[in-house]
Amino acid sequence: MQILLGVTGGIAAFKAATLIRAFTEQGHQVRVIATENALRFIGEPTLANLSNNKVYSDLYAETEHGAHIELADWAEKIVVAPATASFLGRMANGIATDLLTNVIMASDAGVYIAPAMHSNMYTNTATVENVAVLRDRGMVVIEPAVGRLSGEDSGVGRLPEPDDIVNEVLQQGELAGLRAVVTLGGTSEAIDSVRYLGNRSSGKQGLAFAKALQSLGAEVSVIAANTSVPLSGFKVTRVTTHNQLRAELSNTECDLLVMAAAVSDFTVEAHPGKLSRETSQQIKLIPTEDIVAGFKQAHPGTFVLAFSVADSGNDWIQTAIEKSISKRVDAVFANTEKAFDSDVTEAVLVTDTQTELSGTKQDVANQAVSHIADSLKANFK
């Protein structure tokens, strides 16, 4: 794998040497971009010798060869460690002032960011908001460790150990080797040549599950239906309709299916042209096939996590239990219409028991994946 390591100007920059060695010893190619301030903490010869490559640092010195585009195209994964508060702020606001930020903005590679700074800086509202923005854009922000900082105090903000960063980037967590497919977004069905029947689904909860699984080392592929959430860092297949999603899943082999997509319960007997608004119209809805039940029947060895969304005024947990039984799936993630258009949610994970989950959509996904991790490991190993 071709890994581009970005080093910014923090005291933890010296750990970049250990990161380079760890990646290269596992057979990966490493190129380094060091900011001007990073080179105040670690020498360019050290970075060059360990990576066996030239160290890049000056955006303007490389303009003849277009280094930022060349490096952006070369990288399969980009790792920034350590990442300073300044870097997080510039990246979150799209301010490309140096070679590293230019390369990241020009690249489609998955980006992994390991912040390191004093606790007061990491917990500052600006930093918290910047981290949230970067995660929303699909970048993986690796939580800093708690421990001794550069001075005499301790707290959150310490750069994670290099081995932990390597495991995160190379997906060597407890679910390493697990093949997961996450569907997300909402399908749509044509009514006429311009209108469609759709579902209210942002894709945020499905993306949160994809990130939670990836952070534990799973190999995650995404099937996305009509969503604009950022999906960089994942293999993505795009679909639009119920039938397209069903066809894609019919050719899918995996250890885990997270069926987070909001799939239409009906197709429409579509009109060949645009319906006139001058007269009343009748639309014929045709019930669709239950994709998740059909997938589980065809793939009994795959762990299937289905989703259930019901009206909060009804017994939505009982609805999920009944779905779990009727579809014969391994687990159901249940929530209500209140989850739409919100970054926080309350949910229940229905397995042999019922587990209440709450927090941000990422928190909830992390909790759910953690809860089923043992079953997943037993299922695919």
Protein backbone atom coordinates (compact mmCIF):
# COMPACT_ATOMS: atom_id res chain seq x y z
CA MET A 1 0.00 0.00 0.00
CA GLN A 2 1.13 3.56 -0.72
CA ILE A 3 0.87 5.62 2.46
CA LEU A 4 1.42 9.36 2.58
CA LEU A 5 2.41 10.50 6.08
CA GLY A 6 1.81 14.13 6.97
CA VAL A 7 3.75 15.45 9.96
CA THR A 8 2.78 18.77 11.52
CA GLY A 9 4.57 20.93 14.08
CA GLY A 10 3.97 19.39 17.48
CA ILE A 11 6.26 17.92 20.10
CA ALA A 12 4.98 14.45 19.18
CA ALA A 13 6.47 14.81 15.68
CA PHE A 14 9.39 12.64 16.79
CA LYS A 15 7.00 9.64 16.87
CA ALA A 16 6.69 9.93 13.09
CA ALA A 17 9.96 7.99 12.89
CA THR A 18 8.38 5.02 14.65
CA LEU A 19 5.31 5.24 12.40
CA ILE A 20 7.42 5.18 9.24
CA ARG A 21 9.36 2.17 10.46
CA ALA A 22 6.16 0.33 11.41
CA PHE A 23 4.58 0.88 8.00
CA THR A 24 7.70 0.03 5.98
CA GLU A 25 8.42 -3.11 8.00
CA GLN A 26 5.01 -4.40 6.95
CA GLY A 27 5.91 -3.86 3.29
CA HIS A 28 4.16 -0.54 2.65
CA GLN A 29 5.64 2.38 0.71
CA VAL A 30 5.79 5.64 2.64
CA ARG A 31 6.29 9.18 1.47
CA VAL A 32 6.43 12.05 3.93
CA ILE A 33 5.14 15.60 3.84
CA ALA A 34 6.53 17.59 6.75
CA THR A 35 5.36 21.11 7.48
CA GLU A 36 7.92 23.82 8.13
CA ASN A 37 7.15 23.70 11.85
CA ALA A 38 7.37 19.90 11.93
CA LEU A 39 11.00 20.13 10.82
CA ARG A 40 11.70 22.16 13.97
CA PHE A 41 10.96 19.00 15.97
CA ILE A 42 12.33 16.22 13.75
CA GLY A 43 15.07 16.38 11.13
CA GLU A 44 14.46 15.87 7.43
CA PRO A 45 17.34 13.33 7.12
CA THR A 46 15.66 11.07 9.69
CA LEU A 47 12.36 11.09 7.81
CA ALA A 48 14.07 10.58 4.45
CA ASN A 49 16.31 7.73 5.58
CA LEU A 50 13.52 5.81 7.31
CA SER A 51 11.09 6.19 4.40
CA ASN A 52 13.74 5.74 1.68
CA ASN A 53 12.09 8.63 -0.10
CA LYS A 54 12.50 12.35 -0.49
CA VAL A 55 10.72 14.45 2.13
CA TYR A 56 8.31 17.02 0.73
CA SER A 57 7.73 20.27 2.58
CA ASP A 58 7.53 23.34 0.34
CA LEU A 59 4.46 23.81 -1.85
CA TYR A 60 6.12 26.44 -4.02
CA ALA A 61 9.44 24.65 -4.46
CA GLU A 62 7.67 21.79 -6.22
CA THR A 63 5.41 23.73 -8.58
CA GLU A 64 7.34 22.73 -11.71
CA HIS A 65 6.35 19.10 -11.27
CA GLY A 66 2.97 19.70 -9.61
CA ALA A 67 3.94 17.81 -6.47
CA HIS A 68 0.61 18.30 -4.74
CA ILE A 69 -1.27 16.60 -7.57
CA GLU A 70 1.35 13.89 -8.02
CA LEU A 71 1.29 13.06 -4.31
CA ALA A 72 -2.51 13.28 -4.17
CA ASP A 73 -2.78 10.74 -6.99
CA TRP A 74 -0.04 8.51 -5.56
CA ALA A 75 -1.48 8.11 -2.07
CA GLU A 76 -3.81 5.23 -1.29
CA LYS A 77 -4.13 6.38 2.31
CA ILE A 78 -3.13 9.64 3.97
CA VAL A 79 -2.13 9.71 7.63
CA VAL A 80 -1.54 12.95 9.55
CA ALA A 81 0.30 12.31 12.80
CA PRO A 82 0.66 14.37 14.82
CA ALA A 83 -2.08 16.79 13.76
CA THR A 84 -2.00 20.16 15.50
CA ALA A 85 -4.97 22.34 16.40
CA SER A 86 -3.89 24.73 13.65
CA PHE A 87 -3.97 21.94 11.05
CA LEU A 88 -7.43 20.80 12.20
CA GLY A 89 -8.76 24.34 11.94
CA ARG A 90 -7.37 24.96 8.48
CA MET A 91 -8.51 21.59 7.17
CA ALA A 92 -12.02 21.94 8.59
CA ASN A 93 -12.40 25.32 6.92
CA GLY A 94 -10.87 24.35 3.60
CA ILE A 95 -7.87 26.66 3.98
CA ALA A 96 -5.04 25.15 1.93
CA THR A 97 -1.97 27.15 2.91
CA ASP A 98 0.77 24.53 2.61
CA LEU A 99 1.67 21.40 0.67
CA LEU A 100 -0.04 19.01 3.11
CA THR A 101 -3.44 20.71 3.08
CA ASN A 102 -3.29 21.11 -0.72
CA VAL A 103 -2.55 17.42 -1.20
CA ILE A 104 -5.39 16.31 1.08
CA MET A 105 -7.88 18.55 -0.70
CA ALA A 106 -6.74 17.21 -4.09
CA SER A 107 -6.86 13.53 -3.11
CA ASP A 108 -9.61 10.90 -3.03
CA ALA A 109 -7.61 8.72 -0.63
CA GLY A 110 -8.91 7.86 2.82
CA VAL A 111 -7.60 10.31 5.41
CA TYR A 112 -6.63 9.34 8.97
CA ILE A 113 -5.89 12.15 11.42
CA ALA A 114 -4.24 11.67 14.83
CA PRO A 115 -4.49 14.91 16.83
CA ALA A 116 -1.93 15.69 19.54
CA MET A 117 -2.02 18.81 21.72
CA HIS A 118 -2.60 20.02 25.26
CA SER A 119 -5.90 18.97 26.84
CA ASN A 120 -7.14 22.55 27.01
CA MET A 121 -6.63 22.94 23.29
CA TYR A 122 -8.23 19.60 22.38
CA THR A 123 -11.34 20.27 24.47
CA ASN A 124 -11.67 23.85 23.26
CA THR A 125 -15.00 24.39 21.50
CA ALA A 126 -13.28 25.36 18.25
CA THR A 127 -11.28 22.13 18.15
CA VAL A 128 -14.29 20.01 19.07
CA GLU A 129 -16.29 21.59 16.24
CA ASN A 130 -13.42 21.21 13.75
CA VAL A 131 -13.05 17.52 14.58
CA ALA A 132 -16.80 17.02 14.09
CA VAL A 133 -16.63 18.72 10.68
CA LEU A 134 -13.76 16.52 9.52
CA ARG A 135 -15.55 13.36 10.66
CA ASP A 136 -18.71 14.46 8.86
CA ARG A 137 -16.63 14.74 5.68
CA GLY A 138 -15.57 11.11 6.00
CA MET A 139 -12.14 11.55 7.53
CA VAL A 140 -11.16 9.20 10.35
CA VAL A 141 -10.08 11.18 13.41
CA ILE A 142 -8.25 8.87 15.82
CA GLU A 143 -9.02 9.82 19.41
CA PRO A 144 -5.91 11.03 21.28
CA ALA A 145 -4.76 9.07 24.29
CA VAL A 146 -4.94 10.14 27.92
CA GLY A 147 -1.57 10.41 29.64
CA ARG A 148 1.49 12.52 30.30
CA LEU A 149 1.69 15.59 28.08
CA SER A 150 4.75 17.63 27.14
CA GLY A 151 4.80 19.43 30.49
CA GLU A 152 4.20 18.13 33.98
CA ASP A 153 0.44 17.75 33.59
CA SER A 154 -1.55 14.84 32.19
CA GLY A 155 -4.82 14.50 30.33
CA VAL A 156 -6.40 13.86 26.94
CA GLY A 157 -4.39 15.05 23.95
CA ARG A 158 -1.44 12.68 23.91
CA LEU A 159 -0.68 11.19 20.49
CA PRO A 160 -1.87 7.56 20.40
CA GLU A 161 0.87 4.98 20.43
CA PRO A 162 2.23 4.37 16.91
CA ASP A 163 1.06 0.74 16.98
CA ASP A 164 -2.50 1.92 17.67
CA ILE A 165 -2.34 4.35 14.74
CA VAL A 166 -0.96 1.62 12.46
CA ASN A 167 -3.73 -0.77 13.52
CA GLU A 168 -6.34 1.90 12.81
CA VAL A 169 -4.95 2.73 9.38
CA LEU A 170 -4.32 -0.88 8.36
CA GLN A 171 -7.55 -2.07 9.97
CA GLN A 172 -5.96 -4.53 12.35
CA GLY A 173 -8.57 -4.25 15.10
CA GLU A 174 -10.61 -7.00 16.69
CA LEU A 175 -12.76 -7.37 13.56
CA ALA A 176 -9.82 -7.59 11.16
CA GLY A 177 -10.72 -9.96 8.33
CA LEU A 178 -14.46 -9.44 8.62
CA ARG A 179 -16.13 -8.48 5.33
CA ALA A 180 -18.93 -6.03 6.01
CA VAL A 181 -21.43 -4.43 3.64
CA VAL A 182 -23.38 -1.39 4.79
CA THR A 183 -26.35 -0.10 2.81
CA LEU A 184 -27.41 3.48 3.46
CA GLY A 185 -29.53 6.31 2.11
CA GLY A 186 -33.02 5.97 0.69
CA THR A 187 -34.20 4.32 -2.52
CA SER A 188 -36.48 6.19 -4.91
CA GLU A 189 -39.05 4.96 -7.43
CA ALA A 190 -40.07 6.88 -10.54
CA ILE A 191 -43.64 8.22 -10.67
CA ASP A 192 -43.21 9.85 -14.06
CA SER A 193 -40.32 11.27 -16.05
CA VAL A 194 -39.50 13.91 -13.38
CA ARG A 195 -41.11 12.85 -10.09
CA TYR A 196 -40.33 10.02 -7.70
CA LEU A 197 -41.48 8.28 -4.51
CA GLY A 198 -38.71 8.47 -1.92
CA ASN A 199 -37.70 7.85 1.67
CA ARG A 200 -36.47 10.26 4.32
CA SER A 201 -33.00 8.97 5.01
CA SER A 202 -29.84 11.08 5.18
CA GLY A 203 -27.52 8.09 5.32
CA LYS A 204 -25.83 9.45 8.46
CA GLN A 205 -26.64 6.46 10.69
CA GLY A 206 -25.47 3.99 8.06
CA LEU A 207 -22.25 5.95 7.60
CA ALA A 208 -21.73 5.87 11.37
CA PHE A 209 -21.98 2.06 11.30
CA ALA A 210 -19.51 1.90 8.42
CA LYS A 211 -17.02 4.01 10.39
CA ALA A 212 -17.55 1.99 13.59
CA LEU A 213 -16.85 -1.26 11.76
CA GLN A 214 -13.86 0.15 9.90
CA SER A 215 -12.35 1.45 13.15
CA LEU A 216 -12.35 -2.13 14.48
CA GLY A 217 -10.56 -3.42 11.39
CA ALA A 218 -13.45 -4.70 9.27
CA GLU A 219 -13.20 -4.46 5.49
CA VAL A 220 -16.21 -2.26 4.76
CA SER A 221 -18.00 -1.75 1.45
CA VAL A 222 -20.90 0.66 1.09
CA ILE A 223 -23.95 0.45 -1.14
CA ALA A 224 -25.34 3.97 -1.22
CA ALA A 225 -28.84 4.90 -2.33
CA ASN A 226 -29.52 8.60 -2.94
CA THR A 227 -27.43 10.22 -0.23
CA SER A 228 -24.99 13.11 -0.14
CA VAL A 229 -23.02 12.09 2.98
CA PRO A 230 -19.26 11.96 2.32
CA LEU A 231 -18.09 8.39 1.69
CA SER A 232 -14.36 8.84 1.11
CA GLY A 233 -12.31 5.96 2.50
CA PHE A 234 -14.86 3.30 1.49
CA LYS A 235 -15.48 1.22 -1.61
CA VAL A 236 -18.83 2.60 -2.78
CA THR A 237 -21.47 1.25 -5.15
CA ARG A 238 -24.27 3.64 -6.07
CA VAL A 239 -27.87 2.53 -6.59
CA THR A 240 -31.15 4.38 -6.97
CA THR A 241 -34.11 2.00 -6.87
CA HIS A 242 -35.30 -0.97 -4.85
CA ASN A 243 -34.59 -3.33 -7.74
CA GLN A 244 -31.07 -2.00 -8.21
CA LEU A 245 -30.31 -2.50 -4.51
CA ARG A 246 -31.79 -6.00 -4.56
CA ALA A 247 -29.75 -6.91 -7.64
CA GLU A 248 -26.54 -5.58 -6.08
CA LEU A 249 -27.10 -7.56 -2.89
CA SER A 250 -27.89 -10.71 -4.86
CA ASN A 251 -24.26 -10.67 -6.03
CA THR A 252 -22.83 -9.84 -2.61
CA GLU A 253 -20.91 -12.19 -0.36
CA CYS A 254 -20.05 -10.90 3.11
CA ASP A 255 -19.80 -11.86 6.76
CA LEU A 256 -21.99 -8.98 7.94
CA LEU A 257 -24.76 -7.02 6.26
CA VAL A 258 -25.91 -3.79 7.92
CA MET A 259 -29.18 -2.96 6.17
CA ALA A 260 -29.38 0.72 7.10
CA ALA A 261 -30.84 1.87 3.78
CA ALA A 262 -34.44 3.05 3.82
CA VAL A 263 -35.87 0.79 1.15
CA SER A 264 -39.16 1.64 -0.52
CA ASP A 265 -42.05 -0.67 0.37
CA PHE A 266 -43.60 0.11 -3.01
CA THR A 267 -42.65 0.60 -6.61
CA VAL A 268 -44.84 2.76 -8.82
CA GLU A 269 -46.58 1.96 -12.06
CA ALA A 270 -44.77 4.85 -13.67
CA HIS A 271 -46.25 7.18 -16.27
CA PRO A 272 -44.09 7.35 -19.45
CA GLY A 273 -44.06 11.16 -19.55
CA LYS A 274 -44.58 14.02 -17.14
CA LEU A 275 -47.98 13.93 -15.46
CA SER A 276 -50.12 16.99 -16.03
CA ARG A 277 -51.06 19.06 -13.01
CA GLU A 278 -54.22 20.20 -14.75
CA THR A 279 -56.15 17.03 -13.94
CA SER A 280 -56.39 14.65 -11.01
CA GLN A 281 -54.05 11.69 -11.20
CA GLN A 282 -54.05 8.23 -9.70
CA ILE A 283 -50.82 6.50 -8.75
CA LYS A 284 -50.71 2.72 -8.45
CA LEU A 285 -48.34 1.45 -5.74
CA ILE A 286 -47.00 -2.06 -6.11
CA PRO A 287 -45.57 -3.80 -2.99
CA THR A 288 -41.86 -4.61 -3.23
CA GLU A 289 -40.00 -7.74 -2.24
CA ASP A 290 -38.57 -7.82 1.31
CA ILE A 291 -34.87 -7.48 0.43
CA VAL A 292 -33.38 -8.17 3.84
CA ALA A 293 -35.52 -11.28 4.48
CA GLY A 294 -34.64 -12.59 1.03
CA PHE A 295 -30.93 -11.94 1.58
CA LYS A 296 -30.94 -13.77 4.93
CA GLN A 297 -32.74 -16.74 3.39
CA ALA A 298 -30.16 -16.91 0.59
CA HIS A 299 -27.19 -16.29 2.94
CA PRO A 300 -28.02 -18.03 6.24
CA GLY A 301 -24.38 -17.87 7.38
CA THR A 302 -24.19 -14.07 7.11
CA PHE A 303 -24.87 -12.01 10.23
CA VAL A 304 -27.65 -9.61 9.23
CA LEU A 305 -28.43 -6.43 11.14
CA ALA A 306 -31.76 -5.05 9.92
CA PHE A 307 -33.17 -1.60 10.65
CA SER A 308 -36.64 -0.75 11.91
CA VAL A 309 -38.12 2.76 11.93
CA ALA A 310 -41.58 3.16 13.42
CA ASP A 311 -43.74 6.01 14.65
CA SER A 312 -42.80 7.08 18.18
CA GLY A 313 -46.48 7.07 19.13
CA ASN A 314 -46.64 3.31 18.65
CA ASP A 315 -44.82 0.45 20.38
CA TRP A 316 -41.76 0.78 18.12
CA ILE A 317 -39.67 -1.69 20.12
CA GLN A 318 -42.30 -4.41 19.77
CA THR A 319 -42.40 -3.65 16.05
CA ALA A 320 -38.65 -4.31 15.88
CA ILE A 321 -39.00 -7.58 17.81
CA GLU A 322 -41.68 -8.76 15.40
CA LYS A 323 -39.48 -7.81 12.43
CA SER A 324 -36.58 -9.76 13.90
CA ILE A 325 -38.76 -12.86 14.13
CA SER A 326 -40.48 -12.53 10.75
CA LYS A 327 -37.31 -11.71 8.80
CA ARG A 328 -35.22 -14.27 10.75
CA VAL A 329 -32.32 -11.82 11.02
CA ASP A 330 -29.67 -11.84 13.73
CA ALA A 331 -30.31 -8.35 15.10
CA VAL A 332 -32.51 -5.30 14.54
CA PHE A 333 -31.54 -1.68 15.12
CA ALA A 334 -34.75 0.12 16.09
CA ASN A 335 -35.48 3.82 16.30
CA THR A 336 -38.25 6.27 15.42
CA GLU A 337 -38.99 9.10 13.04
CA LYS A 338 -37.34 11.45 15.57
CA ALA A 339 -33.96 10.27 14.26
CA PHE A 340 -34.56 11.95 10.89
CA ASP A 341 -32.72 15.25 10.38
CA SER A 342 -30.90 14.86 13.71
CA ASP A 343 -27.32 14.07 14.67
CA VAL A 344 -28.37 12.53 17.98
CA THR A 345 -30.69 9.59 18.49
CA GLU A 346 -32.17 7.07 20.86
CA ALA A 347 -32.37 3.49 19.70
CA VAL A 348 -32.71 -0.10 20.85
CA LEU A 349 -30.63 -3.00 19.58
CA VAL A 350 -32.77 -6.14 19.49
CA THR A 351 -30.85 -9.41 19.67
CA ASP A 352 -31.62 -12.13 22.22
CA THR A 353 -32.02 -9.19 24.55
CA GLN A 354 -32.88 -5.50 24.16
CA THR A 355 -30.09 -2.94 24.60
CA GLU A 356 -30.88 0.76 24.88
CA LEU A 357 -28.53 3.08 22.96
CA SER A 358 -28.29 6.87 23.03
CA GLY A 359 -26.00 9.71 22.00
CA THR A 360 -24.75 10.97 18.67
CA LYS A 361 -25.35 8.70 15.72
CA GLN A 362 -21.66 7.77 15.81
CA ASP A 363 -21.83 7.02 19.54
CA VAL A 364 -24.86 4.81 19.01
CA ALA A 365 -23.25 2.94 16.12
CA ASN A 366 -20.09 2.37 18.18
CA GLN A 367 -22.20 1.00 21.05
CA ALA A 368 -24.17 -1.30 18.76
CA VAL A 369 -21.09 -2.70 17.00
CA SER A 370 -19.34 -3.21 20.33
CA HIS A 371 -22.36 -5.13 21.60
CA ILE A 372 -22.45 -7.56 18.67
CA ALA A 373 -18.65 -7.84 18.19
CA ASP A 374 -18.34 -11.19 19.98
CA SER A 375 -21.12 -12.69 17.86
CA LEU A 376 -19.51 -11.32 14.72
CA LYS A 377 -16.10 -12.79 15.57
CA ALA A 378 -17.65 -16.19 16.28
CA ASN A 379 -19.63 -15.96 13.06
CA PHE A 380 -16.80 -15.33 10.60
CA LYS A 381 -13.77 -16.98 12.20
